[in-house]
C-alpha cells in the first residue's frame, strides 16, 4: 500500500461508522463503471432464465427454502 493510501486508511478508521460507510460507498461507486456489453449479456441471461421458467424447464424455489438451506450448512465464523 502506498504512503498516501496508508494515510487515508489511518484517517478513515478514525471516522464514525456512518461516515466510514459513506467513504466505502463512494470508493466502490468509483469502481463500478458501466459496461454496455456486460449489461446486455446479463439482460439476455435474465430473459433466457425467465423463458426457461415459463416453459417449465426450471422450477422456482421459495426464498425461505434457500435461506434455510444455507443457514443449516453455514459454518460459524
PDB file of N, CA and C in Angstrom:
ATOM      1  N   UNK A   1       0.855  -1.173   0.000  1.00  0.00           N
ATOM      2  CA  UNK A   1       0.000   0.000   0.000  1.00  0.00           C
ATOM      3  C   UNK A   1       0.897   1.232   0.000  1.00  0.00           C
ATOM      4  N   UNK A   2       0.518   2.226  -0.783  1.00  0.00           N
ATOM      5  CA  UNK A   2       1.311   3.445  -0.865  1.00  0.00           C
ATOM      6  C   UNK A   2       1.182   4.261   0.417  1.00  0.00           C
ATOM      7  N   UNK A   3       2.076   5.213   0.576  1.00  0.00           N
ATOM      8  CA  UNK A   3       2.034   6.099   1.740  1.00  0.00           C
ATOM      9  C   UNK A   3       0.724   6.872   1.774  1.00  0.00           C
ATOM     10  N   UNK A   4       0.273   7.321   0.617  1.00  0.00           N
ATOM     11  CA  UNK A   4      -0.986   8.055   0.538  1.00  0.00           C
ATOM     12  C   UNK A   4      -2.145   7.182   0.981  1.00  0.00           C
ATOM     13  N   UNK A   5      -2.186   5.951   0.488  1.00  0.00           N
ATOM     14  CA  UNK A   5      -3.262   5.034   0.863  1.00  0.00           C
ATOM     15  C   UNK A   5      -3.206   4.720   2.353  1.00  0.00           C
ATOM     16  N   UNK A   6      -2.026   4.537   2.886  1.00  0.00           N
ATOM     17  CA  UNK A   6      -1.866   4.285   4.322  1.00  0.00           C
ATOM     18  C   UNK A   6      -2.404   5.459   5.134  1.00  0.00           C
ATOM     19  N   UNK A   7      -2.071   6.668   4.711  1.00  0.00           N
ATOM     20  CA  UNK A   7      -2.518   7.866   5.428  1.00  0.00           C
ATOM     21  C   UNK A   7      -4.040   7.993   5.355  1.00  0.00           C
ATOM     22  N   UNK A   8      -4.605   7.754   4.187  1.00  0.00           N
ATOM     23  CA  UNK A   8      -6.056   7.823   4.046  1.00  0.00           C
ATOM     24  C   UNK A   8      -6.743   6.770   4.907  1.00  0.00           C
ATOM     25  N   UNK A   9      -6.199   5.563   4.931  1.00  0.00           N
ATOM     26  CA  UNK A   9      -6.768   4.497   5.757  1.00  0.00           C
ATOM     27  C   UNK A   9      -6.723   4.864   7.229  1.00  0.00           C
ATOM     28  N   UNK A  10      -5.608   5.411   7.662  1.00  0.00           N
ATOM     29  CA  UNK A  10      -5.464   5.800   9.061  1.00  0.00           C
ATOM     30  C   UNK A  10      -6.487   6.868   9.437  1.00  0.00           C
ATOM     31  N   UNK A  11      -6.728   7.803   8.533  1.00  0.00           N
ATOM     32  CA  UNK A  11      -7.725   8.839   8.791  1.00  0.00           C
ATOM     33  C   UNK A  11      -9.134   8.256   8.756  1.00  0.00           C
ATOM     34  N   UNK A  12      -9.395   7.367   7.807  1.00  0.00           N
ATOM     35  CA  UNK A  12     -10.736   6.808   7.639  1.00  0.00           C
ATOM     36  C   UNK A  12     -11.177   6.016   8.857  1.00  0.00           C
ATOM     37  N   UNK A  13     -10.283   5.247   9.459  1.00  0.00           N
ATOM     38  CA  UNK A  13     -10.685   4.424  10.606  1.00  0.00           C
ATOM     39  C   UNK A  13     -11.028   5.261  11.832  1.00  0.00           C
ATOM     40  N   UNK A  14     -10.662   6.523  11.821  1.00  0.00           N
ATOM     41  CA  UNK A  14     -10.994   7.415  12.939  1.00  0.00           C
ATOM     42  C   UNK A  14     -12.389   8.025  12.797  1.00  0.00           C
ATOM     43  N   UNK A  15     -12.999   7.866  11.614  1.00  0.00           N
ATOM     44  CA  UNK A  15     -14.328   8.430  11.375  1.00  0.00           C
ATOM     45  C   UNK A  15     -15.394   7.612  12.091  1.00  0.00           C
ATOM     46  N   UNK A  16     -16.542   8.230  12.381  1.00  0.00           N
ATOM     47  CA  UNK A  16     -17.667   7.467  12.930  1.00  0.00           C
ATOM     48  C   UNK A  16     -18.117   6.421  11.893  1.00  0.00           C
ATOM     49  N   UNK A  17     -18.719   5.333  12.350  1.00  0.00           N
ATOM     50  CA  UNK A  17     -19.123   4.263  11.423  1.00  0.00           C
ATOM     51  C   UNK A  17     -19.943   4.731  10.226  1.00  0.00           C
ATOM     52  N   UNK A  18     -20.876   5.665  10.430  1.00  0.00           N
ATOM     53  CA  UNK A  18     -21.711   6.134   9.329  1.00  0.00           C
ATOM     54  C   UNK A  18     -20.877   6.820   8.249  1.00  0.00           C
ATOM     55  N   UNK A  19     -19.920   7.612   8.675  1.00  0.00           N
ATOM     56  CA  UNK A  19     -19.071   8.315   7.711  1.00  0.00           C
ATOM     57  C   UNK A  19     -18.117   7.342   7.011  1.00  0.00           C
ATOM     58  N   UNK A  20     -17.620   6.355   7.738  1.00  0.00           N
ATOM     59  CA  UNK A  20     -16.774   5.346   7.088  1.00  0.00           C
ATOM     60  C   UNK A  20     -17.541   4.624   6.002  1.00  0.00           C
ATOM     61  N   UNK A  21     -18.819   4.306   6.281  1.00  0.00           N
ATOM     62  CA  UNK A  21     -19.641   3.623   5.285  1.00  0.00           C
ATOM     63  C   UNK A  21     -19.827   4.501   4.051  1.00  0.00           C
ATOM     64  N   UNK A  22     -20.020   5.794   4.258  1.00  0.00           N
ATOM     65  CA  UNK A  22     -20.158   6.702   3.123  1.00  0.00           C
ATOM     66  C   UNK A  22     -18.881   6.710   2.281  1.00  0.00           C
ATOM     67  N   UNK A  23     -17.735   6.707   2.934  1.00  0.00           N
ATOM     68  CA  UNK A  23     -16.463   6.682   2.211  1.00  0.00           C
ATOM     69  C   UNK A  23     -16.336   5.387   1.413  1.00  0.00           C
ATOM     70  N   UNK A  24     -16.673   4.269   2.038  1.00  0.00           N
ATOM     71  CA  UNK A  24     -16.616   2.973   1.355  1.00  0.00           C
ATOM     72  C   UNK A  24     -17.540   2.977   0.138  1.00  0.00           C
ATOM     73  N   UNK A  25     -18.756   3.468   0.309  1.00  0.00           N
ATOM     74  CA  UNK A  25     -19.710   3.501  -0.797  1.00  0.00           C
ATOM     75  C   UNK A  25     -19.197   4.358  -1.947  1.00  0.00           C
ATOM     76  N   UNK A  26     -18.591   5.490  -1.637  1.00  0.00           N
ATOM     77  CA  UNK A  26     -18.058   6.354  -2.697  1.00  0.00           C
ATOM     78  C   UNK A  26     -16.913   5.661  -3.438  1.00  0.00           C
ATOM     79  N   UNK A  27     -16.068   4.983  -2.700  1.00  0.00           N
ATOM     80  CA  UNK A  27     -14.953   4.282  -3.345  1.00  0.00           C
ATOM     81  C   UNK A  27     -15.483   3.161  -4.236  1.00  0.00           C
ATOM     82  N   UNK A  28     -16.426   2.383  -3.712  1.00  0.00           N
ATOM     83  CA  UNK A  28     -16.994   1.300  -4.514  1.00  0.00           C
ATOM     84  C   UNK A  28     -17.711   1.840  -5.750  1.00  0.00           C
ATOM     85  N   UNK A  29     -18.443   2.932  -5.592  1.00  0.00           N
ATOM     86  CA  UNK A  29     -19.122   3.547  -6.741  1.00  0.00           C
ATOM     87  C   UNK A  29     -18.115   3.971  -7.811  1.00  0.00           C
ATOM     88  N   UNK A  30     -16.946   4.437  -7.371  1.00  0.00           N
ATOM     89  CA  UNK A  30     -15.941   4.877  -8.340  1.00  0.00           C
ATOM     90  C   UNK A  30     -15.380   3.707  -9.148  1.00  0.00           C
ATOM     91  N   UNK A  31     -15.503   2.498  -8.618  1.00  0.00           N
ATOM     92  CA  UNK A  31     -15.017   1.303  -9.316  1.00  0.00           C
ATOM     93  C   UNK A  31     -16.067   0.689 -10.232  1.00  0.00           C
ATOM     94  N   UNK A  32     -17.306   1.071 -10.055  1.00  0.00           N
ATOM     95  CA  UNK A  32     -18.412   0.471 -10.786  1.00  0.00           C
ATOM     96  C   UNK A  32     -18.701   1.271 -12.053  1.00  0.00           C
ATOM     97  N   UNK A  33     -17.955   0.967 -13.096  1.00  0.00           N
ATOM     98  CA  UNK A  33     -18.137   1.665 -14.362  1.00  0.00           C
ATOM     99  C   UNK A  33     -19.123   0.895 -15.234  1.00  0.00           C
ATOM    100  N   UNK A  34     -20.033   1.606 -15.891  1.00  0.00           N
ATOM    101  CA  UNK A  34     -20.994   0.927 -16.762  1.00  0.00           C
ATOM    102  C   UNK A  34     -20.284   0.186 -17.891  1.00  0.00           C
ATOM    103  N   UNK A  35     -20.817  -0.959 -18.244  1.00  0.00           N
ATOM    104  CA  UNK A  35     -20.277  -1.758 -19.339  1.00  0.00           C
ATOM    105  C   UNK A  35     -21.464  -2.260 -20.150  1.00  0.00           C
ATOM    106  N   UNK A  36     -21.709  -1.619 -21.282  1.00  0.00           N
ATOM    107  CA  UNK A  36     -22.876  -1.939 -22.100  1.00  0.00           C
ATOM    108  C   UNK A  36     -22.884  -3.395 -22.549  1.00  0.00           C
ATOM    109  N   UNK A  37     -21.731  -3.946 -22.873  1.00  0.00           N
ATOM    110  CA  UNK A  37     -21.656  -5.339 -23.319  1.00  0.00           C
ATOM    111  C   UNK A  37     -22.051  -6.277 -22.183  1.00  0.00           C
ATOM    112  N   UNK A  38     -21.498  -6.035 -21.001  1.00  0.00           N
ATOM    113  CA  UNK A  38     -21.823  -6.873 -19.850  1.00  0.00           C
ATOM    114  C   UNK A  38     -23.296  -6.730 -19.466  1.00  0.00           C
ATOM    115  N   UNK A  39     -23.806  -5.511 -19.508  1.00  0.00           N
ATOM    116  CA  UNK A  39     -25.227  -5.291 -19.202  1.00  0.00           C
ATOM    117  C   UNK A  39     -26.115  -6.059 -20.177  1.00  0.00           C
ATOM    118  N   UNK A  40     -25.751  -6.060 -21.454  1.00  0.00           N
ATOM    119  CA  UNK A  40     -26.536  -6.776 -22.461  1.00  0.00           C
ATOM    120  C   UNK A  40     -26.483  -8.281 -22.211  1.00  0.00           C
ATOM    121  N   UNK A  41     -25.315  -8.793 -21.832  1.00  0.00           N
ATOM    122  CA  UNK A  41     -25.193 -10.223 -21.533  1.00  0.00           C
ATOM    123  C   UNK A  41     -26.066 -10.619 -20.343  1.00  0.00           C
ATOM    124  N   UNK A  42     -26.060  -9.798 -19.282  1.00  0.00           N
ATOM    125  CA  UNK A  42     -26.888 -10.095 -18.110  1.00  0.00           C
ATOM    126  C   UNK A  42     -28.374 -10.015 -18.451  1.00  0.00           C
ATOM    127  N   UNK A  43     -28.757  -9.051 -19.286  1.00  0.00           N
ATOM    128  CA  UNK A  43     -30.157  -8.920 -19.680  1.00  0.00           C
ATOM    129  C   UNK A  43     -30.592 -10.152 -20.470  1.00  0.00           C
ATOM    130  N   UNK A  44     -29.738 -10.633 -21.381  1.00  0.00           N
ATOM    131  CA  UNK A  44     -30.061 -11.831 -22.148  1.00  0.00           C
ATOM    132  C   UNK A  44     -30.173 -13.038 -21.221  1.00  0.00           C
ATOM    133  N   UNK A  45     -29.260 -13.149 -20.261  1.00  0.00           N
ATOM    134  CA  UNK A  45     -29.303 -14.266 -19.305  1.00  0.00           C
ATOM    135  C   UNK A  45     -30.611 -14.240 -18.515  1.00  0.00           C
ATOM    136  N   UNK A  46     -30.999 -13.065 -18.052  1.00  0.00           N
ATOM    137  CA  UNK A  46     -32.253 -12.944 -17.301  1.00  0.00           C
ATOM    138  C   UNK A  46     -33.445 -13.330 -18.164  1.00  0.00           C
ATOM    139  N   UNK A  47     -33.448 -12.864 -19.410  1.00  0.00           N
ATOM    140  CA  UNK A  47     -34.540 -13.217 -20.330  1.00  0.00           C
ATOM    141  C   UNK A  47     -34.585 -14.722 -20.581  1.00  0.00           C
ATOM    142  N   UNK A  48     -33.405 -15.323 -20.780  1.00  0.00           N
ATOM    143  CA  UNK A  48     -33.334 -16.765 -21.027  1.00  0.00           C
ATOM    144  C   UNK A  48     -33.831 -17.565 -19.818  1.00  0.00           C
ATOM    145  N   UNK A  49     -33.459 -17.127 -18.632  1.00  0.00           N
ATOM    146  CA  UNK A  49     -33.905 -17.834 -17.419  1.00  0.00           C
ATOM    147  C   UNK A  49     -35.415 -17.722 -17.233  1.00  0.00           C
ATOM    148  N   UNK A  50     -35.955 -16.536 -17.478  1.00  0.00           N
ATOM    149  CA  UNK A  50     -37.397 -16.343 -17.355  1.00  0.00           C
ATOM    150  C   UNK A  50     -38.138 -17.193 -18.384  1.00  0.00           C
ATOM    151  N   UNK A  51     -37.638 -17.230 -19.612  1.00  0.00           N
ATOM    152  CA  UNK A  51     -38.271 -18.038 -20.654  1.00  0.00           C
ATOM    153  C   UNK A  51     -38.231 -19.519 -20.284  1.00  0.00           C
ATOM    154  N   UNK A  52     -37.106 -19.991 -19.751  1.00  0.00           N
ATOM    155  CA  UNK A  52     -36.989 -21.397 -19.339  1.00  0.00           C
ATOM    156  C   UNK A  52     -37.972 -21.697 -18.209  1.00  0.00           C
ATOM    157  N   UNK A  53     -38.141 -20.780 -17.291  1.00  0.00           N
ATOM    158  CA  UNK A  53     -39.105 -20.953 -16.200  1.00  0.00           C
ATOM    159  C   UNK A  53     -40.527 -21.049 -16.766  1.00  0.00           C
ATOM    160  N   UNK A  54     -40.845 -20.158 -17.668  1.00  0.00           N
ATOM    161  CA  UNK A  54     -42.188 -20.138 -18.249  1.00  0.00           C
ATOM    162  C   UNK A  54     -42.474 -21.392 -19.079  1.00  0.00           C
ATOM    163  N   UNK A  55     -41.420 -21.971 -19.673  1.00  0.00           N
ATOM    164  CA  UNK A  55     -41.591 -23.210 -20.437  1.00  0.00           C
ATOM    165  C   UNK A  55     -41.647 -24.429 -19.521  1.00  0.00           C
ATOM    166  N   UNK A  56     -41.411 -24.219 -18.227  1.00  0.00           N
ATOM    167  CA  UNK A  56     -41.431 -25.330 -17.276  1.00  0.00           C
ATOM    168  C   UNK A  56     -40.136 -26.117 -17.228  1.00  0.00           C
ATOM    169  N   UNK A  57     -39.069 -25.584 -17.795  1.00  0.00           N
ATOM    170  CA  UNK A  57     -37.780 -26.279 -17.815  1.00  0.00           C
ATOM    171  C   UNK A  57     -37.028 -26.160 -16.485  1.00  0.00           C
ATOM    172  N   UNK A  58     -37.340 -25.143 -15.732  1.00  0.00           N
ATOM    173  CA  UNK A  58     -36.753 -24.964 -14.398  1.00  0.00           C
ATOM    174  C   UNK A  58     -37.879 -24.611 -13.447  1.00  0.00           C
ATOM    175  N   UNK A  59     -37.683 -24.994 -12.191  1.00  0.00           N
ATOM    176  CA  UNK A  59     -38.712 -24.658 -11.216  1.00  0.00           C
ATOM    177  C   UNK A  59     -38.184 -23.615 -10.244  1.00  0.00           C
ATOM    178  N   UNK A  60     -39.102 -22.902  -9.671  1.00  0.00           N
ATOM    179  CA  UNK A  60     -38.739 -21.887  -8.687  1.00  0.00           C
ATOM    180  C   UNK A  60     -38.614 -22.538  -7.317  1.00  0.00           C
ATOM    181  N   UNK A  61     -37.775 -21.962  -6.505  1.00  0.00           N
ATOM    182  CA  UNK A  61     -37.611 -22.408  -5.128  1.00  0.00           C
ATOM    183  C   UNK A  61     -37.910 -21.210  -4.245  1.00  0.00           C
ATOM    184  N   UNK A  62     -38.687 -21.424  -3.214  1.00  0.00           N
ATOM    185  CA  UNK A  62     -39.041 -20.337  -2.305  1.00  0.00           C
ATOM    186  C   UNK A  62     -37.789 -19.786  -1.625  1.00  0.00           C
ATOM    187  N   UNK A  63     -37.746 -18.483  -1.483  1.00  0.00           N
ATOM    188  CA  UNK A  63     -36.606 -17.842  -0.831  1.00  0.00           C
ATOM    189  C   UNK A  63     -36.374 -18.429   0.551  1.00  0.00           C
ATOM    190  N   UNK A  64     -37.423 -18.704   1.282  1.00  0.00           N
ATOM    191  CA  UNK A  64     -37.273 -19.257   2.631  1.00  0.00           C
ATOM    192  C   UNK A  64     -36.542 -20.599   2.605  1.00  0.00           C
ATOM    193  N   UNK A  65     -36.757 -21.410   1.552  1.00  0.00           N
ATOM    194  CA  UNK A  65     -36.049 -22.689   1.431  1.00  0.00           C
ATOM    195  C   UNK A  65     -34.557 -22.469   1.177  1.00  0.00           C
ATOM    196  N   UNK A  66     -34.258 -21.521   0.329  1.00  0.00           N
ATOM    197  CA  UNK A  66     -32.858 -21.226   0.019  1.00  0.00           C
ATOM    198  C   UNK A  66     -32.135 -20.743   1.272  1.00  0.00           C
ATOM    199  N   UNK A  67     -32.759 -19.818   1.986  1.00  0.00           N
ATOM    200  CA  UNK A  67     -32.142 -19.285   3.202  1.00  0.00           C
ATOM    201  C   UNK A  67     -31.967 -20.389   4.230  1.00  0.00           C
ATOM    202  N   UNK A  68     -32.967 -21.214   4.395  1.00  0.00           N
ATOM    203  CA  UNK A  68     -32.872 -22.318   5.356  1.00  0.00           C
ATOM    204  C   UNK A  68     -31.731 -23.257   4.989  1.00  0.00           C
ATOM    205  N   UNK A  69     -31.572 -23.548   3.717  1.00  0.00           N
ATOM    206  CA  UNK A  69     -30.504 -24.441   3.257  1.00  0.00           C
ATOM    207  C   UNK A  69     -29.136 -23.890   3.653  1.00  0.00           C
ATOM    208  N   UNK A  70     -28.920 -22.623   3.433  1.00  0.00           N
ATOM    209  CA  UNK A  70     -27.615 -22.048   3.714  1.00  0.00           C
ATOM    210  C   UNK A  70     -27.397 -21.769   5.194  1.00  0.00           C
ATOM    211  N   UNK A  71     -28.439 -21.594   5.940  1.00  0.00           N
ATOM    212  CA  UNK A  71     -28.283 -21.454   7.392  1.00  0.00           C
ATOM    213  C   UNK A  71     -27.847 -22.776   8.004  1.00  0.00           C
ATOM    214  N   UNK A  72     -28.419 -23.849   7.529  1.00  0.00           N
ATOM    215  CA  UNK A  72     -28.079 -25.190   8.043  1.00  0.00           C
ATOM    216  C   UNK A  72     -26.650 -25.546   7.702  1.00  0.00           C
ATOM    217  N   UNK A  73     -26.226 -25.185   6.488  1.00  0.00           N
ATOM    218  CA  UNK A  73     -24.894 -25.556   6.027  1.00  0.00           C
ATOM    219  C   UNK A  73     -23.823 -24.519   6.363  1.00  0.00           C
ATOM    220  N   UNK A  74     -24.210 -23.399   6.953  1.00  0.00           N
ATOM    221  CA  UNK A  74     -23.259 -22.355   7.261  1.00  0.00           C
ATOM    222  C   UNK A  74     -22.359 -22.771   8.414  1.00  0.00           C
ATOM    223  N   UNK A  75     -21.093 -22.463   8.245  1.00  0.00           N
ATOM    224  CA  UNK A  75     -20.128 -22.757   9.307  1.00  0.00           C
ATOM    225  C   UNK A  75     -19.943 -21.507  10.156  1.00  0.00           C
ATOM    226  N   UNK A  76     -19.827 -21.652  11.463  1.00  0.00           N
ATOM    227  CA  UNK A  76     -19.598 -20.478  12.309  1.00  0.00           C
ATOM    228  C   UNK A  76     -18.274 -19.813  11.969  1.00  0.00           C
ATOM    229  N   UNK A  77     -18.271 -18.492  12.033  1.00  0.00           N
ATOM    230  CA  UNK A  77     -17.043 -17.751  11.699  1.00  0.00           C
ATOM    231  C   UNK A  77     -16.034 -17.831  12.816  1.00  0.00           C
TER     232      UNK A  77
END
